[in-house]
Amino acid sequence: MVKAVNITAGGKEYKLKLSGATVCELEEKYGSLLGMFESFDLSSVGSIKLSIIIELFCASLKKYHPELSKDERMDVYDAYCDENGINGVMETITGIMESGGYIAESDGKNA
């Protein structure tokens, strides 16, 4: 069974997951995603560029919502950020990375 993170943004349900192909595309552009998350916790949210956070979030919509254009994925991000704040976004990104098996599940330091 494929693991994904379910969210609600703007009153609609979405399923988020980073596919292997998407991870390869992002790492080609930004370098190691694992390196970004190795010592991440919510107090260090400023250590990752916002553009990368936004792109990770939007890219995670592609697998289950391929019908959404780039602008529509950005609208989902904006709605989710408005409703949950940057810490909520980062908790979701961490959940996406964990559910994809890219990083170990949280030991509570991200809570």
PDB file of N, CA and C in Angstrom:
ATOM      1  N   MET A   1       0.839  -1.188   0.000  1.00  0.00           N
ATOM      2  CA  MET A   1       0.000   0.000   0.000  1.00  0.00           C
ATOM      3  C   MET A   1       0.882   1.249   0.000  1.00  0.00           C
ATOM      4  N   VAL A   2       0.571   2.170  -0.878  1.00  0.00           N
ATOM      5  CA  VAL A   2       1.338   3.406  -0.987  1.00  0.00           C
ATOM      6  C   VAL A   2       0.939   4.348   0.140  1.00  0.00           C
ATOM      7  N   LYS A   3       1.953   4.861   0.826  1.00  0.00           N
ATOM      8  CA  LYS A   3       1.685   5.822   1.896  1.00  0.00           C
ATOM      9  C   LYS A   3       1.648   7.220   1.310  1.00  0.00           C
ATOM     10  N   ALA A   4       0.733   8.023   1.801  1.00  0.00           N
ATOM     11  CA  ALA A   4       0.621   9.413   1.372  1.00  0.00           C
ATOM     12  C   ALA A   4       0.148  10.223   2.570  1.00  0.00           C
ATOM     13  N   VAL A   5       0.259  11.522   2.447  1.00  0.00           N
ATOM     14  CA  VAL A   5      -0.211  12.436   3.483  1.00  0.00           C
ATOM     15  C   VAL A   5      -1.482  13.095   2.951  1.00  0.00           C
ATOM     16  N   ASN A   6      -2.543  13.028   3.738  1.00  0.00           N
ATOM     17  CA  ASN A   6      -3.813  13.640   3.351  1.00  0.00           C
ATOM     18  C   ASN A   6      -3.952  14.993   4.038  1.00  0.00           C
ATOM     19  N   ILE A   7      -4.358  15.985   3.259  1.00  0.00           N
ATOM     20  CA  ILE A   7      -4.557  17.328   3.800  1.00  0.00           C
ATOM     21  C   ILE A   7      -5.874  17.892   3.290  1.00  0.00           C
ATOM     22  N   THR A   8      -6.302  18.965   3.930  1.00  0.00           N
ATOM     23  CA  THR A   8      -7.420  19.776   3.451  1.00  0.00           C
ATOM     24  C   THR A   8      -6.905  21.192   3.275  1.00  0.00           C
ATOM     25  N   ALA A   9      -7.194  21.768   2.130  1.00  0.00           N
ATOM     26  CA  ALA A   9      -6.809  23.157   1.849  1.00  0.00           C
ATOM     27  C   ALA A   9      -7.921  23.807   1.052  1.00  0.00           C
ATOM     28  N   GLY A  10      -8.357  24.961   1.492  1.00  0.00           N
ATOM     29  CA  GLY A  10      -9.428  25.653   0.792  1.00  0.00           C
ATOM     30  C   GLY A  10     -10.710  24.835   0.729  1.00  0.00           C
ATOM     31  N   GLY A  11     -10.927  23.995   1.738  1.00  0.00           N
ATOM     32  CA  GLY A  11     -12.133  23.184   1.791  1.00  0.00           C
ATOM     33  C   GLY A  11     -12.099  21.940   0.916  1.00  0.00           C
ATOM     34  N   LYS A  12     -10.967  21.631   0.295  1.00  0.00           N
ATOM     35  CA  LYS A  12     -10.856  20.444  -0.568  1.00  0.00           C
ATOM     36  C   LYS A  12      -9.809  19.499   0.005  1.00  0.00           C
ATOM     37  N   GLU A  13     -10.005  18.211  -0.270  1.00  0.00           N
ATOM     38  CA  GLU A  13      -9.084  17.165   0.186  1.00  0.00           C
ATOM     39  C   GLU A  13      -8.011  16.927  -0.882  1.00  0.00           C
ATOM     40  N   TYR A  14      -6.774  16.733  -0.424  1.00  0.00           N
ATOM     41  CA  TYR A  14      -5.655  16.428  -1.314  1.00  0.00           C
ATOM     42  C   TYR A  14      -4.811  15.329  -0.700  1.00  0.00           C
ATOM     43  N   LYS A  15      -4.155  14.575  -1.578  1.00  0.00           N
ATOM     44  CA  LYS A  15      -3.258  13.501  -1.176  1.00  0.00           C
ATOM     45  C   LYS A  15      -1.861  13.884  -1.677  1.00  0.00           C
ATOM     46  N   LEU A  16      -0.869  13.879  -0.767  1.00  0.00           N
ATOM     47  CA  LEU A  16       0.478  14.320  -1.102  1.00  0.00           C
ATOM     48  C   LEU A  16       1.473  13.181  -1.004  1.00  0.00           C
ATOM     49  N   LYS A  17       2.329  13.041  -2.011  1.00  0.00           N
ATOM     50  CA  LYS A  17       3.400  12.044  -2.015  1.00  0.00           C
ATOM     51  C   LYS A  17       4.452  12.466  -3.026  1.00  0.00           C
ATOM     52  N   LEU A  18       5.715  12.316  -2.642  1.00  0.00           N
ATOM     53  CA  LEU A  18       6.804  12.577  -3.577  1.00  0.00           C
ATOM     54  C   LEU A  18       7.190  11.263  -4.250  1.00  0.00           C
ATOM     55  N   SER A  19       7.019  11.194  -5.558  1.00  0.00           N
ATOM     56  CA  SER A  19       7.431  10.002  -6.290  1.00  0.00           C
ATOM     57  C   SER A  19       8.948  10.013  -6.440  1.00  0.00           C
ATOM     58  N   GLY A  20       9.508   8.856  -6.734  1.00  0.00           N
ATOM     59  CA  GLY A  20      10.952   8.766  -6.957  1.00  0.00           C
ATOM     60  C   GLY A  20      11.407   9.679  -8.081  1.00  0.00           C
ATOM     61  N   ALA A  21      10.630   9.740  -9.164  1.00  0.00           N
ATOM     62  CA  ALA A  21      10.987  10.594 -10.301  1.00  0.00           C
ATOM     63  C   ALA A  21      11.010  12.070  -9.899  1.00  0.00           C
ATOM     64  N   THR A  22      10.049  12.471  -9.081  1.00  0.00           N
ATOM     65  CA  THR A  22       9.994  13.860  -8.634  1.00  0.00           C
ATOM     66  C   THR A  22      11.165  14.179  -7.716  1.00  0.00           C
ATOM     67  N   VAL A  23      11.516  13.245  -6.833  1.00  0.00           N
ATOM     68  CA  VAL A  23      12.675  13.448  -5.963  1.00  0.00           C
ATOM     69  C   VAL A  23      13.938  13.633  -6.805  1.00  0.00           C
ATOM     70  N   CYS A  24      14.100  12.811  -7.832  1.00  0.00           N
ATOM     71  CA  CYS A  24      15.277  12.944  -8.707  1.00  0.00           C
ATOM     72  C   CYS A  24      15.314  14.321  -9.372  1.00  0.00           C
ATOM     73  N   GLU A  25      14.170  14.792  -9.850  1.00  0.00           N
ATOM     74  CA  GLU A  25      14.103  16.123 -10.474  1.00  0.00           C
ATOM     75  C   GLU A  25      14.492  17.212  -9.473  1.00  0.00           C
ATOM     76  N   LEU A  26      13.949  17.129  -8.258  1.00  0.00           N
ATOM     77  CA  LEU A  26      14.233  18.146  -7.245  1.00  0.00           C
ATOM     78  C   LEU A  26      15.704  18.110  -6.810  1.00  0.00           C
ATOM     79  N   GLU A  27      16.261  16.912  -6.673  1.00  0.00           N
ATOM     80  CA  GLU A  27      17.662  16.820  -6.258  1.00  0.00           C
ATOM     81  C   GLU A  27      18.602  17.298  -7.360  1.00  0.00           C
ATOM     82  N   GLU A  28      18.210  17.095  -8.609  1.00  0.00           N
ATOM     83  CA  GLU A  28      19.022  17.614  -9.702  1.00  0.00           C
ATOM     84  C   GLU A  28      19.075  19.142  -9.632  1.00  0.00           C
ATOM     85  N   LYS A  29      17.986  19.737  -9.229  1.00  0.00           N
ATOM     86  CA  LYS A  29      17.884  21.193  -9.149  1.00  0.00           C
ATOM     87  C   LYS A  29      18.518  21.755  -7.873  1.00  0.00           C
ATOM     88  N   TYR A  30      18.285  21.097  -6.713  1.00  0.00           N
ATOM     89  CA  TYR A  30      18.672  21.665  -5.419  1.00  0.00           C
ATOM     90  C   TYR A  30      19.784  20.929  -4.684  1.00  0.00           C
ATOM     91  N   GLY A  31      20.143  19.742  -5.118  1.00  0.00           N
ATOM     92  CA  GLY A  31      21.085  18.936  -4.355  1.00  0.00           C
ATOM     93  C   GLY A  31      20.320  18.013  -3.417  1.00  0.00           C
ATOM     94  N   SER A  32      21.008  17.429  -2.484  1.00  0.00           N
ATOM     95  CA  SER A  32      20.436  16.414  -1.608  1.00  0.00           C
ATOM     96  C   SER A  32      19.282  16.925  -0.756  1.00  0.00           C
ATOM     97  N   LEU A  33      18.125  16.287  -0.907  1.00  0.00           N
ATOM     98  CA  LEU A  33      16.986  16.602  -0.040  1.00  0.00           C
ATOM     99  C   LEU A  33      17.230  16.037   1.348  1.00  0.00           C
ATOM    100  N   LEU A  34      17.888  14.901   1.419  1.00  0.00           N
ATOM    101  CA  LEU A  34      18.165  14.295   2.723  1.00  0.00           C
ATOM    102  C   LEU A  34      19.021  15.220   3.576  1.00  0.00           C
ATOM    103  N   GLY A  35      19.992  15.868   2.949  1.00  0.00           N
ATOM    104  CA  GLY A  35      20.852  16.797   3.679  1.00  0.00           C
ATOM    105  C   GLY A  35      20.073  17.936   4.310  1.00  0.00           C
ATOM    106  N   MET A  36      19.018  18.365   3.645  1.00  0.00           N
ATOM    107  CA  MET A  36      18.195  19.451   4.174  1.00  0.00           C
ATOM    108  C   MET A  36      17.448  19.029   5.424  1.00  0.00           C
ATOM    109  N   PHE A  37      17.089  17.748   5.497  1.00  0.00           N
ATOM    110  CA  PHE A  37      16.226  17.278   6.567  1.00  0.00           C
ATOM    111  C   PHE A  37      16.970  16.538   7.675  1.00  0.00           C
ATOM    112  N   GLU A  38      18.274  16.329   7.506  1.00  0.00           N
ATOM    113  CA  GLU A  38      19.041  15.576   8.503  1.00  0.00           C
ATOM    114  C   GLU A  38      18.920  16.153   9.901  1.00  0.00           C
ATOM    115  N   SER A  39      19.063  17.447  10.027  1.00  0.00           N
ATOM    116  CA  SER A  39      19.022  18.057  11.365  1.00  0.00           C
ATOM    117  C   SER A  39      17.868  19.043  11.495  1.00  0.00           C
ATOM    118  N   PHE A  40      16.853  18.873  10.661  1.00  0.00           N
ATOM    119  CA  PHE A  40      15.731  19.810  10.654  1.00  0.00           C
ATOM    120  C   PHE A  40      14.868  19.657  11.891  1.00  0.00           C
ATOM    121  N   ASP A  41      14.470  20.758  12.450  1.00  0.00           N
ATOM    122  CA  ASP A  41      13.362  20.810  13.398  1.00  0.00           C
ATOM    123  C   ASP A  41      12.675  22.152  13.199  1.00  0.00           C
ATOM    124  N   LEU A  42      11.501  22.309  13.761  1.00  0.00           N
ATOM    125  CA  LEU A  42      10.709  23.510  13.483  1.00  0.00           C
ATOM    126  C   LEU A  42      11.399  24.793  13.913  1.00  0.00           C
ATOM    127  N   SER A  43      12.310  24.717  14.863  1.00  0.00           N
ATOM    128  CA  SER A  43      13.013  25.936  15.273  1.00  0.00           C
ATOM    129  C   SER A  43      14.029  26.377  14.227  1.00  0.00           C
ATOM    130  N   SER A  44      14.361  25.482  13.276  1.00  0.00           N
ATOM    131  CA  SER A  44      15.338  25.832  12.252  1.00  0.00           C
ATOM    132  C   SER A  44      14.683  26.028  10.887  1.00  0.00           C
ATOM    133  N   VAL A  45      13.405  26.397  10.895  1.00  0.00           N
ATOM    134  CA  VAL A  45      12.673  26.534   9.642  1.00  0.00           C
ATOM    135  C   VAL A  45      13.372  27.486   8.669  1.00  0.00           C
ATOM    136  N   GLY A  46      14.090  28.464   9.154  1.00  0.00           N
ATOM    137  CA  GLY A  46      14.790  29.405   8.286  1.00  0.00           C
ATOM    138  C   GLY A  46      16.016  28.837   7.610  1.00  0.00           C
ATOM    139  N   SER A  47      16.391  27.598   7.944  1.00  0.00           N
ATOM    140  CA  SER A  47      17.586  27.009   7.339  1.00  0.00           C
ATOM    141  C   SER A  47      17.321  26.451   5.948  1.00  0.00           C
ATOM    142  N   ILE A  48      16.068  26.372   5.543  1.00  0.00           N
ATOM    143  CA  ILE A  48      15.710  25.900   4.206  1.00  0.00           C
ATOM    144  C   ILE A  48      14.999  27.046   3.480  1.00  0.00           C
ATOM    145  N   LYS A  49      15.433  27.317   2.249  1.00  0.00           N
ATOM    146  CA  LYS A  49      14.813  28.400   1.485  1.00  0.00           C
ATOM    147  C   LYS A  49      13.323  28.142   1.277  1.00  0.00           C
ATOM    148  N   LEU A  50      12.519  29.181   1.420  1.00  0.00           N
ATOM    149  CA  LEU A  50      11.073  29.049   1.230  1.00  0.00           C
ATOM    150  C   LEU A  50      10.719  28.528  -0.159  1.00  0.00           C
ATOM    151  N   SER A  51      11.472  28.939  -1.173  1.00  0.00           N
ATOM    152  CA  SER A  51      11.170  28.474  -2.530  1.00  0.00           C
ATOM    153  C   SER A  51      11.281  26.954  -2.632  1.00  0.00           C
ATOM    154  N   ILE A  52      12.218  26.359  -1.881  1.00  0.00           N
ATOM    155  CA  ILE A  52      12.368  24.902  -1.887  1.00  0.00           C
ATOM    156  C   ILE A  52      11.202  24.258  -1.150  1.00  0.00           C
ATOM    157  N   ILE A  53      10.809  24.826  -0.027  1.00  0.00           N
ATOM    158  CA  ILE A  53       9.669  24.317   0.738  1.00  0.00           C
ATOM    159  C   ILE A  53       8.413  24.327  -0.136  1.00  0.00           C
ATOM    160  N   ILE A  54       8.182  25.446  -0.805  1.00  0.00           N
ATOM    161  CA  ILE A  54       7.000  25.582  -1.660  1.00  0.00           C
ATOM    162  C   ILE A  54       7.056  24.585  -2.805  1.00  0.00           C
ATOM    163  N   GLU A  55       8.236  24.443  -3.418  1.00  0.00           N
ATOM    164  CA  GLU A  55       8.353  23.508  -4.540  1.00  0.00           C
ATOM    165  C   GLU A  55       8.160  22.062  -4.081  1.00  0.00           C
ATOM    166  N   LEU A  56       8.680  21.700  -2.920  1.00  0.00           N
ATOM    167  CA  LEU A  56       8.466  20.351  -2.387  1.00  0.00           C
ATOM    168  C   LEU A  56       6.976  20.083  -2.174  1.00  0.00           C
ATOM    169  N   PHE A  57       6.296  21.042  -1.567  1.00  0.00           N
ATOM    170  CA  PHE A  57       4.866  20.897  -1.316  1.00  0.00           C
ATOM    171  C   PHE A  57       4.113  20.735  -2.637  1.00  0.00           C
ATOM    172  N   CYS A  58       4.366  21.634  -3.572  1.00  0.00           N
ATOM    173  CA  CYS A  58       3.648  21.601  -4.851  1.00  0.00           C
ATOM    174  C   CYS A  58       3.980  20.340  -5.654  1.00  0.00           C
ATOM    175  N   ALA A  59       5.240  19.917  -5.624  1.00  0.00           N
ATOM    176  CA  ALA A  59       5.639  18.713  -6.346  1.00  0.00           C
ATOM    177  C   ALA A  59       4.956  17.479  -5.778  1.00  0.00           C
ATOM    178  N   SER A  60       4.683  17.487  -4.477  1.00  0.00           N
ATOM    179  CA  SER A  60       4.045  16.330  -3.848  1.00  0.00           C
ATOM    180  C   SER A  60       2.579  16.183  -4.255  1.00  0.00           C
ATOM    181  N   LEU A  61       2.010  17.198  -4.871  1.00  0.00           N
ATOM    182  CA  LEU A  61       0.633  17.119  -5.386  1.00  0.00           C
ATOM    183  C   LEU A  61       0.556  16.412  -6.735  1.00  0.00           C
ATOM    184  N   LYS A  62       1.668  16.346  -7.461  1.00  0.00           N
ATOM    185  CA  LYS A  62       1.652  15.851  -8.842  1.00  0.00           C
ATOM    186  C   LYS A  62       1.185  14.407  -8.975  1.00  0.00           C
ATOM    187  N   LYS A  63       1.617  13.521  -8.074  1.00  0.00           N
ATOM    188  CA  LYS A  63       1.318  12.091  -8.221  1.00  0.00           C
ATOM    189  C   LYS A  63      -0.188  11.813  -8.229  1.00  0.00           C
ATOM    190  N   TYR A  64      -0.915  12.375  -7.284  1.00  0.00           N
ATOM    191  CA  TYR A  64      -2.338  12.078  -7.165  1.00  0.00           C
ATOM    192  C   TYR A  64      -3.244  13.150  -7.760  1.00  0.00           C
ATOM    193  N   HIS A  65      -2.675  14.271  -8.151  1.00  0.00           N
ATOM    194  CA  HIS A  65      -3.474  15.367  -8.726  1.00  0.00           C
ATOM    195  C   HIS A  65      -2.790  15.925  -9.980  1.00  0.00           C
ATOM    196  N   PRO A  66      -2.534  15.055 -10.968  1.00  0.00           N
ATOM    197  CA  PRO A  66      -1.813  15.500 -12.170  1.00  0.00           C
ATOM    198  C   PRO A  66      -2.598  16.512 -13.000  1.00  0.00           C
ATOM    199  N   GLU A  67      -3.890  16.593 -12.739  1.00  0.00           N
ATOM    200  CA  GLU A  67      -4.725  17.539 -13.490  1.00  0.00           C
ATOM    201  C   GLU A  67      -4.498  18.987 -13.074  1.00  0.00           C
ATOM    202  N   LEU A  68      -3.854  19.195 -11.923  1.00  0.00           N
ATOM    203  CA  LEU A  68      -3.623  20.561 -11.440  1.00  0.00           C
ATOM    204  C   LEU A  68      -2.448  21.198 -12.171  1.00  0.00           C
ATOM    205  N   SER A  69      -2.658  22.411 -12.632  1.00  0.00           N
ATOM    206  CA  SER A  69      -1.565  23.162 -13.263  1.00  0.00           C
ATOM    207  C   SER A  69      -0.611  23.653 -12.166  1.00  0.00           C
ATOM    208  N   LYS A  70       0.527  24.169 -12.566  1.00  0.00           N
ATOM    209  CA  LYS A  70       1.478  24.714 -11.603  1.00  0.00           C
ATOM    210  C   LYS A  70       0.823  25.822 -10.773  1.00  0.00           C
ATOM    211  N   ASP A  71       0.083  26.713 -11.430  1.00  0.00           N
ATOM    212  CA  ASP A  71      -0.595  27.796 -10.712  1.00  0.00           C
ATOM    213  C   ASP A  71      -1.626  27.259  -9.731  1.00  0.00           C
ATOM    214  N   GLU A  72      -2.342  26.209 -10.111  1.00  0.00           N
ATOM    215  CA  GLU A  72      -3.336  25.617  -9.212  1.00  0.00           C
ATOM    216  C   GLU A  72      -2.658  24.951  -8.011  1.00  0.00           C
ATOM    217  N   ARG A  73      -1.502  24.298  -8.244  1.00  0.00           N
ATOM    218  CA  ARG A  73      -0.758  23.712  -7.124  1.00  0.00           C
ATOM    219  C   ARG A  73      -0.278  24.810  -6.175  1.00  0.00           C
ATOM    220  N   MET A  74       0.136  25.946  -6.720  1.00  0.00           N
ATOM    221  CA  MET A  74       0.549  27.080  -5.887  1.00  0.00           C
ATOM    222  C   MET A  74      -0.642  27.613  -5.088  1.00  0.00           C
ATOM    223  N   ASP A  75      -1.823  27.623  -5.691  1.00  0.00           N
ATOM    224  CA  ASP A  75      -3.028  28.055  -4.976  1.00  0.00           C
ATOM    225  C   ASP A  75      -3.328  27.128  -3.798  1.00  0.00           C
ATOM    226  N   VAL A  76      -3.120  25.815  -3.987  1.00  0.00           N
ATOM    227  CA  VAL A  76      -3.322  24.859  -2.897  1.00  0.00           C
ATOM    228  C   VAL A  76      -2.324  25.163  -1.779  1.00  0.00           C
ATOM    229  N   TYR A  77      -1.052  25.388  -2.154  1.00  0.00           N
ATOM    230  CA  TYR A  77      -0.040  25.732  -1.155  1.00  0.00           C
ATOM    231  C   TYR A  77      -0.465  26.995  -0.390  1.00  0.00           C
ATOM    232  N   ASP A  78      -0.848  28.036  -1.120  1.00  0.00           N
ATOM    233  CA  ASP A  78      -1.229  29.299  -0.476  1.00  0.00           C
ATOM    234  C   ASP A  78      -2.376  29.092   0.511  1.00  0.00           C
ATOM    235  N   ALA A  79      -3.390  28.338   0.096  1.00  0.00           N
ATOM    236  CA  ALA A  79      -4.535  28.078   0.981  1.00  0.00           C
ATOM    237  C   ALA A  79      -4.091  27.288   2.208  1.00  0.00           C
ATOM    238  N   TYR A  80      -3.252  26.276   1.994  1.00  0.00           N
ATOM    239  CA  TYR A  80      -2.800  25.454   3.117  1.00  0.00           C
ATOM    240  C   TYR A  80      -1.944  26.272   4.079  1.00  0.00           C
ATOM    241  N   CYS A  81      -1.072  27.105   3.544  1.00  0.00           N
ATOM    242  CA  CYS A  81      -0.221  27.951   4.383  1.00  0.00           C
ATOM    243  C   CYS A  81      -1.070  28.973   5.140  1.00  0.00           C
ATOM    244  N   ASP A  82      -2.056  29.558   4.482  1.00  0.00           N
ATOM    245  CA  ASP A  82      -2.953  30.500   5.158  1.00  0.00           C
ATOM    246  C   ASP A  82      -3.668  29.833   6.331  1.00  0.00           C
ATOM    247  N   GLU A  83      -4.049  28.582   6.147  1.00  0.00           N
ATOM    248  CA  GLU A  83      -4.831  27.862   7.160  1.00  0.00           C
ATOM    249  C   GLU A  83      -3.963  27.253   8.261  1.00  0.00           C
ATOM    250  N   ASN A  84      -2.690  26.943   7.961  1.00  0.00           N
ATOM    251  CA  ASN A  84      -1.860  26.181   8.902  1.00  0.00           C
ATOM    252  C   ASN A  84      -0.547  26.853   9.277  1.00  0.00           C
ATOM    253  N   GLY A  85      -0.191  27.937   8.593  1.00  0.00           N
ATOM    254  CA  GLY A  85       1.068  28.615   8.872  1.00  0.00           C
ATOM    255  C   GLY A  85       2.267  27.828   8.373  1.00  0.00           C
ATOM    256  N   ILE A  86       3.430  28.457   8.428  1.00  0.00           N
ATOM    257  CA  ILE A  86       4.641  27.816   7.912  1.00  0.00           C
ATOM    258  C   ILE A  86       5.018  26.597   8.741  1.00  0.00           C
ATOM    259  N   ASN A  87       4.768  26.624  10.041  1.00  0.00           N
ATOM    260  CA  ASN A  87       5.080  25.437  10.845  1.00  0.00           C
ATOM    261  C   ASN A  87       4.207  24.257  10.443  1.00  0.00           C
ATOM    262  N   GLY A  88       2.952  24.512  10.134  1.00  0.00           N
ATOM    263  CA  GLY A  88       2.069  23.448   9.645  1.00  0.00           C
ATOM    264  C   GLY A  88       2.540  22.902   8.312  1.00  0.00           C
ATOM    265  N   VAL A  89       2.995  23.796   7.438  1.00  0.00           N
ATOM    266  CA  VAL A  89       3.539  23.364   6.145  1.00  0.00           C
ATOM    267  C   VAL A  89       4.765  22.482   6.372  1.00  0.00           C
ATOM    268  N   MET A  90       5.655  22.912   7.262  1.00  0.00           N
ATOM    269  CA  MET A  90       6.873  22.141   7.496  1.00  0.00           C
ATOM    270  C   MET A  90       6.572  20.792   8.140  1.00  0.00           C
ATOM    271  N   GLU A  91       5.601  20.730   9.016  1.00  0.00           N
ATOM    272  CA  GLU A  91       5.201  19.437   9.585  1.00  0.00           C
ATOM    273  C   GLU A  91       4.687  18.514   8.483  1.00  0.00           C
ATOM    274  N   THR A  92       3.942  19.075   7.534  1.00  0.00           N
ATOM    275  CA  THR A  92       3.423  18.291   6.418  1.00  0.00           C
ATOM    276  C   THR A  92       4.545  17.829   5.508  1.00  0.00           C
ATOM    277  N   ILE A  93       5.483  18.709   5.188  1.00  0.00           N
ATOM    278  CA  ILE A  93       6.634  18.329   4.353  1.00  0.00           C
ATOM    279  C   ILE A  93       7.410  17.202   5.026  1.00  0.00           C
ATOM    280  N   THR A  94       7.637  17.337   6.326  1.00  0.00           N
ATOM    281  CA  THR A  94       8.343  16.285   7.063  1.00  0.00           C
ATOM    282  C   THR A  94       7.558  14.977   6.987  1.00  0.00           C
ATOM    283  N   GLY A  95       6.239  15.051   7.131  1.00  0.00           N
ATOM    284  CA  GLY A  95       5.395  13.865   7.003  1.00  0.00           C
ATOM    285  C   GLY A  95       5.478  13.231   5.627  1.00  0.00           C
ATOM    286  N   ILE A  96       5.555  14.055   4.594  1.00  0.00           N
ATOM    287  CA  ILE A  96       5.688  13.554   3.225  1.00  0.00           C
ATOM    288  C   ILE A  96       7.012  12.804   3.071  1.00  0.00           C
ATOM    289  N   MET A  97       8.082  13.396   3.591  1.00  0.00           N
ATOM    290  CA  MET A  97       9.405  12.766   3.513  1.00  0.00           C
ATOM    291  C   MET A  97       9.432  11.463   4.303  1.00  0.00           C
ATOM    292  N   GLU A  98       8.786  11.439   5.462  1.00  0.00           N
ATOM    293  CA  GLU A  98       8.725  10.225   6.278  1.00  0.00           C
ATOM    294  C   GLU A  98       7.879   9.145   5.609  1.00  0.00           C
ATOM    295  N   SER A  99       6.697   9.517   5.138  1.00  0.00           N
ATOM    296  CA  SER A  99       5.790   8.520   4.551  1.00  0.00           C
ATOM    297  C   SER A  99       6.355   7.937   3.264  1.00  0.00           C
ATOM    298  N   GLY A 100       7.204   8.699   2.584  1.00  0.00           N
ATOM    299  CA  GLY A 100       7.851   8.192   1.379  1.00  0.00           C
ATOM    300  C   GLY A 100       9.054   7.319   1.679  1.00  0.00           C
ATOM    301  N   GLY A 101       9.426   7.261   2.955  1.00  0.00           N
ATOM    302  CA  GLY A 101      10.583   6.465   3.340  1.00  0.00           C
ATOM    303  C   GLY A 101      11.904   7.159   3.088  1.00  0.00           C
ATOM    304  N   TYR A 102      11.869   8.460   2.808  1.00  0.00           N
ATOM    305  CA  TYR A 102      13.087   9.202   2.499  1.00  0.00           C
ATOM    306  C   TYR A 102      13.858   9.602   3.749  1.00  0.00           C
ATOM    307  N   ILE A 103      13.152   9.783   4.862  1.00  0.00           N
ATOM    308  CA  ILE A 103      13.785  10.058   6.139  1.00  0.00           C
ATOM    309  C   ILE A 103      13.108   9.199   7.204  1.00  0.00           C
ATOM    310  N   ALA A 104      13.813   8.986   8.316  1.00  0.00           N
ATOM    311  CA  ALA A 104      13.244   8.196   9.411  1.00  0.00           C
ATOM    312  C   ALA A 104      12.062   8.933  10.016  1.00  0.00           C
ATOM    313  N   GLU A 105      11.113   8.172  10.527  1.00  0.00           N
ATOM    314  CA  GLU A 105       9.975   8.805  11.183  1.00  0.00           C
ATOM    315  C   GLU A 105      10.428   9.612  12.369  1.00  0.00           C
ATOM    316  N   SER A 106       9.716  10.683  12.613  1.00  0.00           N
ATOM    317  CA  SER A 106      10.056  11.644  13.666  1.00  0.00           C
ATOM    318  C   SER A 106      10.147  10.986  15.030  1.00  0.00           C
ATOM    319  N   ASP A 107      11.118  11.449  15.798  1.00  0.00           N
ATOM    320  CA  ASP A 107      11.240  10.978  17.177  1.00  0.00           C
ATOM    321  C   ASP A 107      10.582  11.963  18.135  1.00  0.00           C
ATOM    322  N   GLY A 108       9.788  12.870  17.568  1.00  0.00           N
ATOM    323  CA  GLY A 108       9.086  13.851  18.407  1.00  0.00           C
ATOM    324  C   GLY A 108       9.708  15.224  18.393  1.00  0.00           C
ATOM    325  N   LYS A 109      10.934  15.364  17.853  1.00  0.00           N
ATOM    326  CA  LYS A 109      11.558  16.685  17.882  1.00  0.00           C
ATOM    327  C   LYS A 109      10.901  17.666  16.926  1.00  0.00           C
ATOM    328  N   ASN A 110      10.115  17.181  15.958  1.00  0.00           N
ATOM    329  CA  ASN A 110       9.430  18.072  15.019  1.00  0.00           C
ATOM    330  C   ASN A 110       8.057  18.474  15.523  1.00  0.00           C
ATOM    331  N   ALA A 111       7.610  17.895  16.584  1.00  0.00           N
ATOM    332  CA  ALA A 111       6.257  18.172  17.081  1.00  0.00           C
ATOM    333  C   ALA A 111       6.179  19.491  17.786  1.00  0.00           C
TER     334      ALA A 111
END
